[in-house]
Amino acid sequence: MSAEEFSNWQAFLRRHPQGFEWENWVQASLMQMIDSTKSRPRNSKLPKLERYLWKAPAPLMVAREKEAARRRRDAKGKPSE
């Protein structure tokens, strides 16, 4: 990104300070509208807006703990040799 483009983005964000939460909601609403145009089985409901909102991924330590727990659970289920 050039310095000119960066300064233009900074000027835009100062003039229109909507923030991440608002942009996240707008993008999720658009995705929900697009998804509503797809064909679905009869009497199925459109997913709620929360399905489309961006959520931060779990911290790495949580992912490692889940993986370790899965390995322990799988090891318990295997017959001993």
N, C-alpha and C. Protein backbone atom coordinates (compact mmCIF):
# COMPACT_ATOMS: atom_id res chain seq x y z
N MET A 1 0.85 -1.17 0.00
CA MET A 1 0.00 0.00 0.00
C MET A 1 0.90 1.23 0.00
N SER A 2 0.60 2.12 -0.89
CA SER A 2 1.42 3.33 -0.96
C SER A 2 1.07 4.28 0.19
N ALA A 3 1.93 5.25 0.41
CA ALA A 3 1.69 6.23 1.48
C ALA A 3 0.46 7.07 1.16
N GLU A 4 0.25 7.37 -0.11
CA GLU A 4 -0.92 8.16 -0.50
C GLU A 4 -2.21 7.39 -0.23
N GLU A 5 -2.23 6.11 -0.59
CA GLU A 5 -3.42 5.30 -0.33
C GLU A 5 -3.68 5.17 1.16
N PHE A 6 -2.61 4.98 1.95
CA PHE A 6 -2.74 4.88 3.39
C PHE A 6 -3.33 6.16 3.98
N SER A 7 -2.84 7.31 3.54
CA SER A 7 -3.37 8.58 4.06
C SER A 7 -4.81 8.79 3.63
N ASN A 8 -5.17 8.33 2.42
CA ASN A 8 -6.57 8.43 1.99
C ASN A 8 -7.48 7.56 2.86
N TRP A 9 -7.02 6.35 3.19
CA TRP A 9 -7.82 5.50 4.07
C TRP A 9 -7.95 6.12 5.46
N GLN A 10 -6.89 6.71 5.97
CA GLN A 10 -6.97 7.35 7.28
C GLN A 10 -7.96 8.52 7.26
N ALA A 11 -7.94 9.29 6.18
CA ALA A 11 -8.88 10.41 6.06
C ALA A 11 -10.32 9.89 5.98
N PHE A 12 -10.53 8.81 5.24
CA PHE A 12 -11.86 8.23 5.13
C PHE A 12 -12.36 7.74 6.48
N LEU A 13 -11.49 7.04 7.22
CA LEU A 13 -11.90 6.51 8.52
C LEU A 13 -12.15 7.63 9.54
N ARG A 14 -11.45 8.74 9.40
CA ARG A 14 -11.73 9.88 10.29
C ARG A 14 -13.07 10.52 9.95
N ARG A 15 -13.39 10.56 8.68
CA ARG A 15 -14.64 11.19 8.27
C ARG A 15 -15.84 10.28 8.53
N HIS A 16 -15.65 8.97 8.39
CA HIS A 16 -16.73 7.99 8.59
C HIS A 16 -16.30 6.97 9.65
N PRO A 17 -16.28 7.35 10.91
CA PRO A 17 -15.79 6.43 11.96
C PRO A 17 -16.87 5.43 12.38
N GLN A 18 -17.04 4.38 11.62
CA GLN A 18 -18.10 3.42 11.95
C GLN A 18 -17.61 2.30 12.85
N GLY A 19 -16.39 1.91 12.71
CA GLY A 19 -15.83 0.90 13.60
C GLY A 19 -16.05 -0.51 13.11
N PHE A 20 -15.31 -1.44 13.73
CA PHE A 20 -15.33 -2.83 13.31
C PHE A 20 -16.68 -3.48 13.55
N GLU A 21 -17.31 -3.23 14.68
CA GLU A 21 -18.58 -3.88 15.00
C GLU A 21 -19.63 -3.57 13.95
N TRP A 22 -19.69 -2.31 13.53
CA TRP A 22 -20.66 -1.91 12.52
C TRP A 22 -20.36 -2.58 11.18
N GLU A 23 -19.11 -2.57 10.77
CA GLU A 23 -18.73 -3.20 9.50
C GLU A 23 -18.99 -4.71 9.54
N ASN A 24 -18.72 -5.32 10.66
CA ASN A 24 -18.98 -6.75 10.82
C ASN A 24 -20.47 -7.02 10.64
N TRP A 25 -21.32 -6.22 11.25
CA TRP A 25 -22.76 -6.38 11.14
C TRP A 25 -23.23 -6.17 9.71
N VAL A 26 -22.70 -5.15 9.04
CA VAL A 26 -23.09 -4.86 7.66
C VAL A 26 -22.73 -6.03 6.75
N GLN A 27 -21.50 -6.53 6.87
CA GLN A 27 -21.06 -7.64 6.03
C GLN A 27 -21.89 -8.90 6.31
N ALA A 28 -22.19 -9.15 7.58
CA ALA A 28 -23.00 -10.32 7.93
C ALA A 28 -24.41 -10.18 7.36
N SER A 29 -24.97 -8.99 7.39
CA SER A 29 -26.30 -8.77 6.83
C SER A 29 -26.31 -9.01 5.33
N LEU A 30 -25.27 -8.55 4.65
CA LEU A 30 -25.18 -8.79 3.21
C LEU A 30 -25.06 -10.28 2.91
N MET A 31 -24.24 -10.98 3.67
CA MET A 31 -24.10 -12.41 3.46
C MET A 31 -25.42 -13.14 3.71
N GLN A 32 -26.17 -12.69 4.71
CA GLN A 32 -27.46 -13.30 5.00
C GLN A 32 -28.45 -13.05 3.85
N MET A 33 -28.44 -11.84 3.29
CA MET A 33 -29.32 -11.55 2.16
C MET A 33 -28.97 -12.40 0.95
N ILE A 34 -27.68 -12.55 0.69
CA ILE A 34 -27.25 -13.37 -0.45
C ILE A 34 -27.65 -14.82 -0.22
N ASP A 35 -27.48 -15.29 1.00
CA ASP A 35 -27.84 -16.67 1.31
C ASP A 35 -29.34 -16.89 1.22
N SER A 36 -30.13 -15.86 1.47
CA SER A 36 -31.58 -16.01 1.40
C SER A 36 -32.07 -16.23 -0.03
N THR A 37 -31.25 -15.86 -1.02
CA THR A 37 -31.66 -16.05 -2.41
C THR A 37 -31.41 -17.47 -2.91
N LYS A 38 -30.62 -18.26 -2.18
CA LYS A 38 -30.34 -19.63 -2.58
C LYS A 38 -31.55 -20.51 -2.31
N SER A 39 -31.69 -21.54 -3.10
CA SER A 39 -32.81 -22.46 -2.88
C SER A 39 -32.52 -23.32 -1.66
N ARG A 40 -33.56 -23.53 -0.86
CA ARG A 40 -33.45 -24.33 0.35
C ARG A 40 -34.60 -25.32 0.38
N PRO A 41 -34.47 -26.37 1.19
CA PRO A 41 -35.59 -27.31 1.32
C PRO A 41 -36.83 -26.59 1.85
N ARG A 42 -37.96 -27.12 1.52
CA ARG A 42 -39.22 -26.50 1.93
C ARG A 42 -39.32 -26.45 3.45
N ASN A 43 -39.88 -25.36 3.96
CA ASN A 43 -40.09 -25.11 5.40
C ASN A 43 -38.79 -25.01 6.19
N SER A 44 -37.66 -24.77 5.54
CA SER A 44 -36.43 -24.55 6.29
C SER A 44 -36.27 -23.06 6.57
N LYS A 45 -35.70 -22.76 7.70
CA LYS A 45 -35.55 -21.36 8.10
C LYS A 45 -34.19 -20.83 7.69
N LEU A 46 -34.14 -19.54 7.47
CA LEU A 46 -32.88 -18.87 7.17
C LEU A 46 -32.05 -18.81 8.44
N PRO A 47 -30.75 -19.13 8.37
CA PRO A 47 -29.92 -19.05 9.58
C PRO A 47 -29.92 -17.65 10.18
N LYS A 48 -29.73 -17.60 11.49
CA LYS A 48 -29.72 -16.30 12.18
C LYS A 48 -28.47 -15.52 11.82
N LEU A 49 -28.54 -14.22 12.08
CA LEU A 49 -27.44 -13.33 11.74
C LEU A 49 -26.14 -13.71 12.45
N GLU A 50 -26.24 -14.26 13.66
CA GLU A 50 -25.05 -14.63 14.43
C GLU A 50 -24.19 -15.65 13.68
N ARG A 51 -24.81 -16.43 12.80
CA ARG A 51 -24.06 -17.43 12.04
C ARG A 51 -23.07 -16.76 11.09
N TYR A 52 -23.39 -15.58 10.62
CA TYR A 52 -22.58 -14.90 9.62
C TYR A 52 -21.57 -13.91 10.22
N LEU A 53 -21.72 -13.58 11.50
CA LEU A 53 -20.80 -12.63 12.13
C LEU A 53 -19.42 -13.24 12.29
N TRP A 54 -18.39 -12.43 12.07
CA TRP A 54 -17.03 -12.89 12.25
C TRP A 54 -16.75 -13.03 13.73
N LYS A 55 -16.12 -14.13 14.08
CA LYS A 55 -15.71 -14.35 15.46
C LYS A 55 -14.22 -14.64 15.48
N ALA A 56 -13.55 -14.12 16.45
CA ALA A 56 -12.11 -14.35 16.56
C ALA A 56 -11.85 -15.82 16.85
N PRO A 57 -10.80 -16.38 16.27
CA PRO A 57 -10.49 -17.78 16.56
C PRO A 57 -10.05 -17.96 18.01
N ALA A 58 -10.18 -19.18 18.48
CA ALA A 58 -9.76 -19.48 19.85
C ALA A 58 -8.25 -19.32 19.95
N PRO A 59 -7.75 -18.91 21.12
CA PRO A 59 -6.29 -18.82 21.29
C PRO A 59 -5.62 -20.16 21.05
N LEU A 60 -4.36 -20.12 20.69
CA LEU A 60 -3.62 -21.33 20.36
C LEU A 60 -3.57 -22.30 21.53
N MET A 61 -3.48 -21.80 22.76
CA MET A 61 -3.42 -22.70 23.91
C MET A 61 -4.72 -23.49 24.05
N VAL A 62 -5.86 -22.89 23.69
CA VAL A 62 -7.13 -23.61 23.76
C VAL A 62 -7.17 -24.70 22.70
N ALA A 63 -6.71 -24.39 21.50
CA ALA A 63 -6.67 -25.40 20.43
C ALA A 63 -5.76 -26.55 20.81
N ARG A 64 -4.62 -26.26 21.43
CA ARG A 64 -3.71 -27.33 21.85
C ARG A 64 -4.33 -28.20 22.93
N GLU A 65 -5.04 -27.59 23.89
CA GLU A 65 -5.70 -28.36 24.94
C GLU A 65 -6.78 -29.27 24.36
N LYS A 66 -7.55 -28.76 23.38
CA LYS A 66 -8.58 -29.58 22.75
C LYS A 66 -7.96 -30.76 22.02
N GLU A 67 -6.86 -30.52 21.33
CA GLU A 67 -6.18 -31.58 20.60
C GLU A 67 -5.63 -32.63 21.57
N ALA A 68 -5.06 -32.19 22.68
CA ALA A 68 -4.55 -33.13 23.68
C ALA A 68 -5.69 -33.94 24.29
N ALA A 69 -6.81 -33.31 24.56
CA ALA A 69 -7.97 -34.02 25.11
C ALA A 69 -8.50 -35.03 24.10
N ARG A 70 -8.51 -34.69 22.83
CA ARG A 70 -8.97 -35.61 21.79
C ARG A 70 -8.05 -36.83 21.71
N ARG A 71 -6.74 -36.58 21.78
CA ARG A 71 -5.79 -37.68 21.75
C ARG A 71 -5.97 -38.61 22.96
N ARG A 72 -6.18 -38.03 24.14
CA ARG A 72 -6.39 -38.85 25.34
C ARG A 72 -7.67 -39.67 25.21
N ARG A 73 -8.72 -39.04 24.68
CA ARG A 73 -10.00 -39.74 24.50
C ARG A 73 -9.85 -40.87 23.50
N ASP A 74 -9.14 -40.63 22.39
CA ASP A 74 -8.94 -41.68 21.39
C ASP A 74 -8.08 -42.81 21.95
N ALA A 75 -7.10 -42.47 22.77
CA ALA A 75 -6.22 -43.50 23.34
C ALA A 75 -7.00 -44.39 24.31
N LYS A 76 -7.97 -43.84 25.02
CA LYS A 76 -8.79 -44.63 25.95
C LYS A 76 -9.64 -45.63 25.20
N GLY A 77 -10.15 -45.25 24.04
CA GLY A 77 -11.05 -46.11 23.29
C GLY A 77 -10.36 -47.25 22.57
N LYS A 78 -9.06 -47.18 22.37
CA LYS A 78 -8.35 -48.23 21.64
C LYS A 78 -8.06 -49.40 22.57
N PRO A 79 -8.21 -50.62 22.06
CA PRO A 79 -7.85 -51.78 22.90
C PRO A 79 -6.34 -51.86 23.08
N SER A 80 -5.92 -52.29 24.24
CA SER A 80 -4.48 -52.39 24.50
C SER A 80 -3.92 -53.61 23.77
N GLU A 81 -2.70 -53.52 23.33
CA GLU A 81 -2.08 -54.59 22.54
C GLU A 81 -1.30 -55.52 23.41
